[in-house]
Amino acid sequence: MPKTIKELSEEMKHHLLKAREITVKAEEEDRDFTAEETAQLREHMAKATAAKAGIEERKGNDELRATLAQLGDDIALNAKTDEDGQRRTASGFHLPDAKKSLGEQFVESPEFKGLLAQAPSGQFAKNQRVQSEMWGTKALVTGGSDTSAGALVQNDYRGLAVGLDVFQRPLRMRDVVTSGQTTSDTVEYVRVTSVTNNAAPVPEATSAAAPTAPGGAGALVNNAGGGYKPESGLALAKVTTAVKTIAHWMPATKRALSDPAQVRTLIDAFLLYGLEEELEDQMVQGDATGENFEGLSNVSGTQSQAWDTNLLTTTRKAKTKVRTVGRSVANAYLLNPADTEALDLLQDNEARFYFGGPAGAGTAQVLWGLPVIETEAVPAGTGFVGDFRKAVLWDREQATIQVTDSHLDFFVRNLVAILAEMRAAFGVLQPSAFVEIDLTA
């Protein structure tokens, strides 16, 4: 009869202890092993190794039996109760105790243990950018309707898992702004409001006597041979911005959670995407009131470019202002899709499209050598160009997911609330490095 795991463990322990006795004796006598001791050591270690292999094999068999037993009566058509009161299949597998409560079977299930392993603190976290506008945040996801989560439990249904991206708008503003982190709820930073550069050639001083104090830039250089150097400066302002919370949630029935793969898609491609979409809107349009960011369009000190002749001329002159007035190098345009469409449709006097027409890549790729971020966060008829490296997004808490049934009466209705939230702050370090463009004739 095969040995049990307990018997194999005792056998392994016995041989390891015997080997240890031989080793300790040689160490105490400060000598090498004798030939006889070497042979004994090899024998004990070989038997201990064999016992360990037997334990591993035995564990594998027991785990397999337990897994098969969890399938229950569906594979136990010939189950019967033996002398010790346990129900077994005809092939000898032990079946779960049918008297166990639903709660006991639930907490002992591999699915529940797997869920706990994925969320040891009761919280799922993910920093990947995701997307969707398919589901309304107030619409209950239910498993009883084919137009809701009932569609998610169809056999091998793949449409939602691969199709939510078609309902998304691309989010790319994070790609061009400076990314930062903070561990505080408030961020203080220095904003450059103006730059004064009086650098000029200065003659050598011809007198050690202190001359009369200069009255201006020209006098400063030429004053009585004193060799005074001109003074330049920066106008700085300390700005304090609070970390804001962006969050939303959706209800779902526990039945709707029966397909984890599809639920994961809903979380990744709807809830987390929703946070990123609102974040982009706030970075552009936030009005600094209440819990809103101070967005780019409402920051004091940015430049403006009025309409001039046509779209191409106007956008190019705005880029020049970033360089000459803002003393910066622009790295992107922000344009509404309606305005990128207008650029795509521009034609010369012979009806030839400037940007390749229907067969070309279009201006959504590049405009005046800069990448174009096409975003609905910018209203149609308005655009931005600037050095977005001089805008900073500080992450306080990256996107997290929490699930609970303790909301309202959800517990007794078999509902759960899935909550997504993030915390961040946004600031513009040099407003003059950005130009707001009027794109309406």
Protein backbone atom coordinates (compact mmCIF):
# COMPACT_ATOMS: atom_id res chain seq x y z
CA MET A 1 0.00 0.00 0.00
CA PRO A 2 1.42 3.44 -0.92
CA LYS A 3 2.71 5.55 1.95
CA THR A 4 0.77 8.59 3.09
CA ILE A 5 2.18 12.13 3.05
CA LYS A 6 2.56 11.95 6.83
CA GLU A 7 4.56 8.71 6.63
CA LEU A 8 6.77 10.12 3.88
CA SER A 9 7.35 13.30 5.90
CA GLU A 10 8.44 11.28 8.95
CA GLU A 11 10.77 9.22 6.78
CA MET A 12 12.36 12.32 5.24
CA LYS A 13 12.78 13.89 8.68
CA HIS A 14 14.42 10.70 10.04
CA HIS A 15 17.06 10.57 7.31
CA LEU A 16 17.79 14.31 7.51
CA LEU A 17 18.34 14.05 11.28
CA LYS A 18 20.68 11.07 10.82
CA ALA A 19 22.66 13.02 8.23
CA ARG A 20 22.82 15.99 10.59
CA GLU A 21 24.21 13.81 13.43
CA ILE A 22 27.07 12.66 11.21
CA THR A 23 27.82 16.23 10.14
CA VAL A 24 27.77 17.65 13.68
CA LYS A 25 30.10 14.91 14.93
CA ALA A 26 32.67 15.66 12.23
CA GLU A 27 32.43 19.42 12.91
CA GLU A 28 32.91 18.98 16.66
CA GLU A 29 36.01 16.83 16.06
CA ASP A 30 37.27 19.29 13.44
CA ARG A 31 37.90 16.64 10.78
CA ASP A 32 36.71 15.45 7.39
CA PHE A 33 34.16 12.69 6.94
CA THR A 34 35.45 9.13 7.05
CA ALA A 35 34.76 6.82 4.13
CA GLU A 36 32.07 5.05 6.16
CA GLU A 37 30.44 8.38 7.14
CA THR A 38 30.50 9.53 3.52
CA ALA A 39 28.65 6.39 2.43
CA GLN A 40 26.11 6.81 5.22
CA LEU A 41 25.54 10.46 4.30
CA ARG A 42 24.94 9.57 0.67
CA GLU A 43 22.46 6.88 1.67
CA HIS A 44 20.51 9.14 4.07
CA MET A 45 20.37 12.03 1.58
CA ALA A 46 19.24 9.74 -1.23
CA LYS A 47 16.42 8.35 0.91
CA ALA A 48 15.41 11.84 2.10
CA THR A 49 15.32 13.04 -1.51
CA ALA A 50 13.21 10.05 -2.54
CA ALA A 51 10.78 10.71 0.31
CA LYS A 52 10.49 14.35 -0.72
CA ALA A 53 9.74 13.35 -4.31
CA GLY A 54 7.07 11.00 -3.01
CA ILE A 55 5.50 13.85 -1.03
CA GLU A 56 5.40 16.12 -4.09
CA GLU A 57 3.85 13.36 -6.19
CA ARG A 58 1.34 12.60 -3.47
CA LYS A 59 0.38 16.27 -3.17
CA GLY A 60 -0.15 16.44 -6.91
CA ASN A 61 -2.50 13.47 -6.83
CA ASP A 62 -4.44 14.83 -3.87
CA GLU A 63 -4.82 18.25 -5.50
CA LEU A 64 -6.08 16.59 -8.68
CA ARG A 65 -8.59 14.54 -6.73
CA ALA A 66 -9.80 17.62 -4.86
CA THR A 67 -10.27 19.55 -8.10
CA LEU A 68 -12.25 16.75 -9.68
CA ALA A 69 -14.30 16.33 -6.54
CA GLN A 70 -15.30 19.99 -6.69
CA LEU A 71 -17.22 19.24 -9.88
CA GLY A 72 -19.79 17.59 -7.64
CA ASP A 73 -22.62 15.27 -8.56
CA ASP A 74 -22.58 16.22 -12.25
CA ILE A 75 -19.71 13.75 -12.73
CA ALA A 76 -20.86 11.40 -9.97
CA LEU A 77 -23.73 9.53 -11.53
CA ASN A 78 -22.83 6.39 -9.55
CA ALA A 79 -21.92 8.08 -6.26
CA LYS A 80 -22.48 6.16 -3.04
CA THR A 81 -21.78 6.51 0.67
CA ASP A 82 -19.08 4.25 2.11
CA GLU A 83 -18.58 2.91 5.66
CA ASP A 84 -17.07 6.14 7.01
CA GLY A 85 -20.04 8.17 5.83
CA GLN A 86 -18.27 9.91 2.96
CA ARG A 87 -19.78 10.07 -0.53
CA ARG A 88 -17.50 8.84 -3.28
CA THR A 89 -17.74 8.27 -7.00
CA ALA A 90 -17.36 4.81 -8.50
CA SER A 91 -13.74 5.63 -9.23
CA GLY A 92 -13.08 6.57 -5.60
CA PHE A 93 -13.11 10.37 -5.66
CA HIS A 94 -14.40 12.03 -2.50
CA LEU A 95 -17.39 14.33 -3.08
CA PRO A 96 -18.02 17.58 -1.16
CA ASP A 97 -20.29 17.45 1.82
CA ALA A 98 -23.76 18.29 0.57
CA LYS A 99 -24.63 19.55 4.07
CA LYS A 100 -22.21 22.47 3.81
CA SER A 101 -23.92 25.83 3.65
CA LEU A 102 -23.74 28.01 0.58
CA GLY A 103 -21.52 30.41 2.50
CA GLU A 104 -19.06 27.67 3.43
CA GLN A 105 -18.87 26.38 -0.12
CA PHE A 106 -18.43 29.95 -1.39
CA VAL A 107 -15.56 30.93 0.88
CA GLU A 108 -13.83 27.61 0.19
CA SER A 109 -14.20 27.87 -3.57
CA PRO A 110 -11.11 28.44 -5.72
CA GLU A 111 -12.91 31.34 -7.43
CA PHE A 112 -13.35 33.23 -4.18
CA LYS A 113 -9.77 32.55 -3.13
CA GLY A 114 -8.58 33.71 -6.52
CA LEU A 115 -10.56 36.95 -6.12
CA LEU A 116 -8.96 37.58 -2.74
CA ALA A 117 -5.53 36.90 -4.21
CA GLN A 118 -6.13 39.58 -6.84
CA ALA A 119 -7.29 42.12 -4.27
CA PRO A 120 -5.54 41.41 -0.96
CA SER A 121 -6.53 44.83 0.41
CA GLY A 122 -10.02 44.81 -1.07
CA GLN A 123 -8.93 47.15 -3.85
CA PHE A 124 -8.06 46.62 -7.48
CA ALA A 125 -5.55 49.07 -9.02
CA LYS A 126 -4.56 49.75 -12.62
CA ASN A 127 -2.65 52.68 -14.30
CA GLN A 128 -3.29 51.74 -17.88
CA ARG A 129 -5.18 54.22 -20.01
CA VAL A 130 -8.56 52.86 -21.09
CA GLN A 131 -11.70 53.88 -22.92
CA SER A 132 -15.51 53.87 -23.67
CA GLU A 133 -18.74 55.81 -23.81
CA MET A 134 -20.94 52.78 -24.40
CA TRP A 135 -22.65 52.45 -21.01
CA GLY A 136 -24.36 55.25 -19.12
CA THR A 137 -23.12 55.70 -15.57
CA LYS A 138 -26.69 55.64 -14.28
CA ALA A 139 -27.83 52.62 -16.29
CA LEU A 140 -28.07 49.45 -14.22
CA VAL A 141 -26.09 46.56 -15.69
CA THR A 142 -28.35 43.53 -15.34
CA GLY A 143 -27.94 39.92 -16.35
CA GLY A 144 -31.62 39.47 -17.29
CA SER A 145 -31.53 41.54 -20.48
CA ASP A 146 -29.80 40.85 -23.79
CA THR A 147 -29.20 44.58 -24.15
CA SER A 148 -27.29 44.70 -20.87
CA ALA A 149 -25.10 42.23 -18.98
CA GLY A 150 -27.22 39.31 -20.13
CA ALA A 151 -25.24 39.56 -23.34
CA LEU A 152 -22.07 39.04 -21.34
CA VAL A 153 -22.88 35.49 -20.29
CA GLN A 154 -23.36 34.07 -23.77
CA ASN A 155 -20.99 31.26 -24.61
CA ASP A 156 -17.69 32.54 -25.99
CA TYR A 157 -19.07 36.02 -26.60
CA ARG A 158 -16.18 38.20 -27.78
CA GLY A 159 -17.75 41.38 -29.13
CA LEU A 160 -17.47 43.51 -26.01
CA ALA A 161 -13.95 42.36 -25.17
CA VAL A 162 -12.56 43.61 -28.46
CA GLY A 163 -15.10 46.22 -29.49
CA LEU A 164 -15.34 48.91 -26.82
CA ASP A 165 -12.44 50.85 -28.33
CA VAL A 166 -14.63 51.88 -31.26
CA PHE A 167 -16.69 54.00 -28.85
CA GLN A 168 -13.67 55.83 -27.47
CA ARG A 169 -12.07 59.13 -28.28
CA PRO A 170 -8.26 59.02 -28.37
CA LEU A 171 -6.65 60.51 -25.26
CA ARG A 172 -3.15 61.83 -25.88
CA MET A 173 -2.64 64.99 -23.84
CA ARG A 174 -0.85 63.00 -21.15
CA ASP A 175 1.75 62.18 -23.80
CA VAL A 176 2.93 65.78 -24.16
CA VAL A 177 2.58 67.35 -20.69
CA THR A 178 5.18 66.77 -18.00
CA SER A 179 4.29 63.93 -15.65
CA GLY A 180 4.98 64.36 -11.95
CA GLN A 181 4.05 62.79 -8.62
CA THR A 182 3.13 64.16 -5.24
CA THR A 183 2.52 62.65 -1.82
CA SER A 184 0.66 65.73 -0.51
CA ASP A 185 -2.86 67.04 -0.96
CA THR A 186 -1.52 70.46 -1.98
CA VAL A 187 1.14 71.36 -4.53
CA GLU A 188 3.07 74.65 -4.47
CA TYR A 189 5.04 75.61 -7.55
CA VAL A 190 6.66 78.69 -9.10
CA ARG A 191 5.03 80.21 -12.16
CA VAL A 192 7.07 82.45 -14.49
CA THR A 193 4.89 85.45 -15.37
CA SER A 194 7.41 87.54 -17.32
CA VAL A 195 11.05 87.64 -18.36
CA THR A 196 13.22 90.76 -18.67
CA ASN A 197 16.50 90.35 -20.56
CA ASN A 198 18.76 93.45 -20.53
CA ALA A 199 21.95 91.62 -21.46
CA ALA A 200 24.28 93.98 -23.38
CA PRO A 201 28.00 94.54 -24.05
CA VAL A 202 29.66 96.37 -21.12
CA PRO A 203 32.87 98.48 -21.35
CA GLU A 204 35.65 98.04 -18.86
CA ALA A 205 35.54 100.29 -15.81
CA THR A 206 37.93 103.27 -16.09
CA SER A 207 37.57 104.60 -12.56
CA ALA A 208 37.58 103.04 -9.12
CA ALA A 209 35.44 105.88 -7.79
CA ALA A 210 31.80 105.11 -7.39
CA PRO A 211 30.01 106.98 -10.16
CA THR A 212 26.60 108.53 -9.96
CA ALA A 213 23.93 105.85 -9.88
CA PRO A 214 22.70 105.06 -13.40
CA GLY A 215 19.20 106.10 -14.36
CA GLY A 216 18.41 103.68 -17.17
CA ALA A 217 19.66 100.84 -19.33
CA GLY A 218 21.73 103.07 -21.63
CA ALA A 219 23.12 105.19 -18.82
CA LEU A 220 23.80 102.01 -16.88
CA VAL A 221 26.31 100.89 -19.50
CA ASN A 222 27.96 104.21 -20.21
CA ASN A 223 27.76 105.90 -16.82
CA ALA A 224 31.02 107.73 -16.00
CA GLY A 225 33.26 104.79 -16.84
CA GLY A 226 31.95 102.78 -13.92
CA GLY A 227 31.50 99.57 -15.95
CA TYR A 228 28.07 98.84 -14.50
CA LYS A 229 26.42 95.65 -15.79
CA PRO A 230 22.74 95.75 -16.78
CA GLU A 231 20.22 93.95 -14.60
CA SER A 232 17.77 91.36 -15.93
CA GLY A 233 15.10 89.50 -14.05
CA LEU A 234 12.19 87.12 -13.87
CA ALA A 235 8.78 87.93 -12.48
CA LEU A 236 7.73 84.90 -10.48
CA ALA A 237 4.57 83.95 -8.63
CA LYS A 238 4.06 81.19 -6.11
CA VAL A 239 0.98 79.21 -7.06
CA THR A 240 -0.81 76.74 -4.81
CA THR A 241 -3.05 74.11 -6.34
CA ALA A 242 -5.02 71.46 -4.51
CA VAL A 243 -5.11 67.81 -5.46
CA LYS A 244 -8.53 67.01 -6.91
CA THR A 245 -10.47 63.74 -6.93
CA ILE A 246 -12.03 62.50 -10.15
CA ALA A 247 -14.39 59.56 -9.67
CA HIS A 248 -17.47 57.76 -10.94
CA TRP A 249 -19.17 54.42 -10.35
CA MET A 250 -21.60 52.03 -11.95
CA PRO A 251 -24.03 49.50 -10.48
CA ALA A 252 -24.05 45.87 -11.56
CA THR A 253 -25.87 42.74 -10.49
CA LYS A 254 -23.92 39.85 -9.02
CA ARG A 255 -25.21 37.76 -11.90
CA ALA A 256 -23.52 40.17 -14.30
CA LEU A 257 -20.23 39.45 -12.53
CA SER A 258 -20.38 35.78 -13.51
CA ASP A 259 -18.15 36.47 -16.50
CA PRO A 260 -14.93 37.94 -15.04
CA ALA A 261 -13.34 38.56 -18.45
CA GLN A 262 -16.16 40.79 -19.57
CA VAL A 263 -16.39 42.57 -16.22
CA ARG A 264 -12.69 43.31 -16.48
CA THR A 265 -13.35 44.85 -19.90
CA LEU A 266 -16.11 47.04 -18.45
CA ILE A 267 -13.75 48.25 -15.73
CA ASP A 268 -10.78 48.85 -17.99
CA ALA A 269 -12.61 50.13 -21.04
CA PHE A 270 -15.34 52.16 -19.38
CA LEU A 271 -14.66 53.19 -15.79
CA LEU A 272 -10.94 53.86 -16.06
CA TYR A 273 -11.29 55.44 -19.47
CA GLY A 274 -13.96 57.76 -18.08
CA LEU A 275 -11.48 59.06 -15.51
CA GLU A 276 -8.87 59.79 -18.18
CA GLU A 277 -11.41 61.53 -20.42
CA GLU A 278 -12.51 63.84 -17.63
CA LEU A 279 -8.88 64.43 -16.69
CA GLU A 280 -8.11 65.64 -20.20
CA ASP A 281 -11.18 67.89 -20.17
CA GLN A 282 -10.07 69.39 -16.86
CA MET A 283 -6.51 70.05 -18.06
CA VAL A 284 -7.93 72.10 -20.93
CA GLN A 285 -11.23 73.60 -19.71
CA GLY A 286 -11.07 73.49 -15.88
CA ASP A 287 -12.21 76.87 -14.48
CA ALA A 288 -10.49 76.58 -11.05
CA THR A 289 -13.81 76.80 -9.20
CA GLY A 290 -14.92 74.18 -6.71
CA GLU A 291 -13.22 70.88 -7.45
CA ASN A 292 -12.16 71.85 -10.98
CA PHE A 293 -8.56 72.15 -12.14
CA GLU A 294 -7.19 75.45 -13.40
CA GLY A 295 -7.19 74.40 -17.03
CA LEU A 296 -5.07 75.80 -19.82
CA SER A 297 -7.89 77.92 -21.27
CA ASN A 298 -8.41 79.71 -17.94
CA VAL A 299 -4.81 80.36 -16.88
CA SER A 300 -3.92 84.05 -16.75
CA GLY A 301 -0.97 85.10 -18.89
CA THR A 302 -1.37 82.87 -21.94
CA GLN A 303 -1.03 84.53 -25.35
CA SER A 304 -3.71 84.80 -28.01
CA GLN A 305 -3.67 84.67 -31.78
CA ALA A 306 -6.52 86.29 -33.73
CA TRP A 307 -7.79 84.95 -37.06
CA ASP A 308 -5.45 85.98 -39.88
CA THR A 309 -6.28 85.26 -43.54
CA ASN A 310 -6.84 81.47 -43.27
CA LEU A 311 -6.34 78.45 -41.05
CA LEU A 312 -2.78 77.79 -42.15
CA THR A 313 -1.61 81.36 -41.69
CA THR A 314 -3.31 81.67 -38.31
CA THR A 315 -1.87 78.46 -36.88
CA ARG A 316 1.61 79.28 -38.16
CA LYS A 317 1.61 82.76 -36.61
CA ALA A 318 0.55 81.27 -33.29
CA LYS A 319 3.54 78.92 -33.37
CA THR A 320 5.81 81.93 -33.96
CA LYS A 321 4.46 83.65 -30.85
CA VAL A 322 5.42 80.66 -28.72
CA ARG A 323 8.99 81.10 -29.91
CA THR A 324 9.38 84.88 -29.98
CA VAL A 325 7.21 86.01 -27.05
CA GLY A 326 7.07 82.86 -24.95
CA ARG A 327 10.78 82.15 -25.57
CA SER A 328 9.87 78.48 -25.87
CA VAL A 329 9.77 75.73 -28.47
CA ALA A 330 6.25 74.47 -29.20
CA ASN A 331 5.80 70.70 -29.15
CA ALA A 332 2.13 70.20 -30.10
CA TYR A 333 -1.16 71.67 -31.29
CA LEU A 334 -4.50 70.99 -29.56
CA LEU A 335 -7.38 71.09 -32.03
CA ASN A 336 -11.03 70.08 -32.07
CA PRO A 337 -11.92 67.35 -34.63
CA ALA A 338 -14.09 69.86 -36.52
CA ASP A 339 -11.07 72.12 -37.03
CA THR A 340 -8.78 69.28 -38.12
CA GLU A 341 -11.47 68.38 -40.62
CA ALA A 342 -11.44 71.95 -41.95
CA LEU A 343 -7.66 71.72 -42.35
CA ASP A 344 -7.92 68.37 -44.12
CA LEU A 345 -10.38 69.82 -46.62
CA LEU A 346 -8.24 72.84 -47.59
CA GLN A 347 -7.53 72.95 -51.33
CA ASP A 348 -5.37 75.10 -53.57
CA ASN A 349 -6.60 77.03 -56.63
CA GLU A 350 -6.64 73.82 -58.67
CA ALA A 351 -8.80 71.91 -56.17
CA ARG A 352 -5.88 69.87 -54.89
CA PHE A 353 -5.93 69.00 -51.19
CA TYR A 354 -3.01 70.41 -49.22
CA PHE A 355 -2.85 67.39 -46.96
CA GLY A 356 -3.26 64.54 -49.42
CA GLY A 357 -7.03 64.38 -49.58
CA PRO A 358 -8.97 61.15 -49.00
CA ALA A 359 -5.95 59.02 -49.86
CA GLY A 360 -3.58 60.88 -47.55
CA ALA A 361 -2.86 60.70 -43.84
CA GLY A 362 -4.41 64.11 -43.29
CA THR A 363 -3.36 66.93 -40.99
CA ALA A 364 -4.36 65.00 -37.85
CA GLN A 365 -0.79 63.72 -37.95
CA VAL A 366 1.37 66.85 -38.29
CA LEU A 367 0.81 70.60 -38.71
CA TRP A 368 3.76 72.95 -39.31
CA GLY A 369 6.12 70.23 -38.14
CA LEU A 370 4.28 69.61 -34.85
CA PRO A 371 2.07 66.70 -33.83
CA VAL A 372 -1.63 67.49 -33.61
CA ILE A 373 -3.59 66.28 -30.60
CA GLU A 374 -7.17 66.01 -31.78
CA THR A 375 -9.40 66.37 -28.73
CA GLU A 376 -12.99 67.24 -27.96
CA ALA A 377 -11.76 68.96 -24.79
CA VAL A 378 -11.04 71.99 -26.99
CA PRO A 379 -14.19 73.69 -28.33
CA ALA A 380 -14.60 73.94 -32.09
CA GLY A 381 -13.24 77.21 -33.45
CA THR A 382 -10.50 77.38 -30.81
CA GLY A 383 -7.07 75.79 -30.73
CA PHE A 384 -3.89 75.81 -28.68
CA VAL A 385 -0.23 75.57 -29.51
CA GLY A 386 2.58 75.63 -27.02
CA ASP A 387 5.37 73.99 -25.12
CA PHE A 388 3.30 71.48 -23.15
CA ARG A 389 6.39 70.42 -21.24
CA LYS A 390 5.76 73.58 -19.21
CA ALA A 391 2.48 72.15 -17.96
CA VAL A 392 2.67 69.52 -15.22
CA LEU A 393 0.24 66.80 -14.17
CA TRP A 394 0.99 65.57 -10.66
CA ASP A 395 -0.40 62.12 -9.83
CA ARG A 396 -1.38 61.83 -6.16
CA GLU A 397 -3.19 58.51 -6.48
CA GLN A 398 -3.32 56.59 -9.72
CA ALA A 399 -6.60 55.11 -10.87
CA THR A 400 -8.08 52.54 -8.47
CA ILE A 401 -11.10 50.26 -8.55
CA GLN A 402 -13.18 49.28 -5.52
CA VAL A 403 -16.18 46.94 -5.40
CA THR A 404 -18.75 46.75 -2.61
CA ASP A 405 -22.32 45.66 -1.94
CA SER A 406 -22.73 47.96 1.10
CA HIS A 407 -24.17 50.85 -0.93
CA LEU A 408 -27.82 51.66 -0.08
CA ASP A 409 -29.84 48.40 -0.25
CA PHE A 410 -27.49 46.69 -2.70
CA PHE A 411 -26.74 43.83 -0.33
CA VAL A 412 -30.34 42.56 -0.22
CA ARG A 413 -30.85 43.18 -3.94
CA ASN A 414 -27.76 41.25 -5.08
CA LEU A 415 -26.18 44.38 -6.50
CA VAL A 416 -22.66 45.74 -6.26
CA ALA A 417 -21.22 49.19 -6.83
CA ILE A 418 -18.00 49.37 -8.86
CA LEU A 419 -16.17 52.61 -8.06
CA ALA A 420 -13.26 54.10 -10.01
CA GLU A 421 -11.34 57.12 -8.79
CA MET A 422 -8.06 58.96 -9.13
CA ARG A 423 -6.44 62.00 -7.49
CA ALA A 424 -4.26 64.50 -9.33
CA ALA A 425 -3.24 68.16 -9.62
CA PHE A 426 -2.43 70.26 -12.69
CA GLY A 427 -0.37 73.41 -13.13
CA VAL A 428 1.06 75.64 -15.88
CA LEU A 429 4.61 76.76 -15.11
CA GLN A 430 4.92 79.38 -17.87
CA PRO A 431 1.62 80.63 -19.32
CA SER A 432 3.36 82.69 -22.03
CA ALA A 433 4.61 79.46 -23.59
CA PHE A 434 1.02 78.76 -24.75
CA VAL A 435 -1.07 80.52 -27.37
CA GLU A 436 -4.86 80.29 -27.66
CA ILE A 437 -5.83 80.43 -31.33
CA ASP A 438 -9.04 81.88 -32.78
CA LEU A 439 -9.84 79.62 -35.74
CA THR A 440 -13.05 81.31 -36.84
CA ALA A 441 -12.99 83.68 -39.82
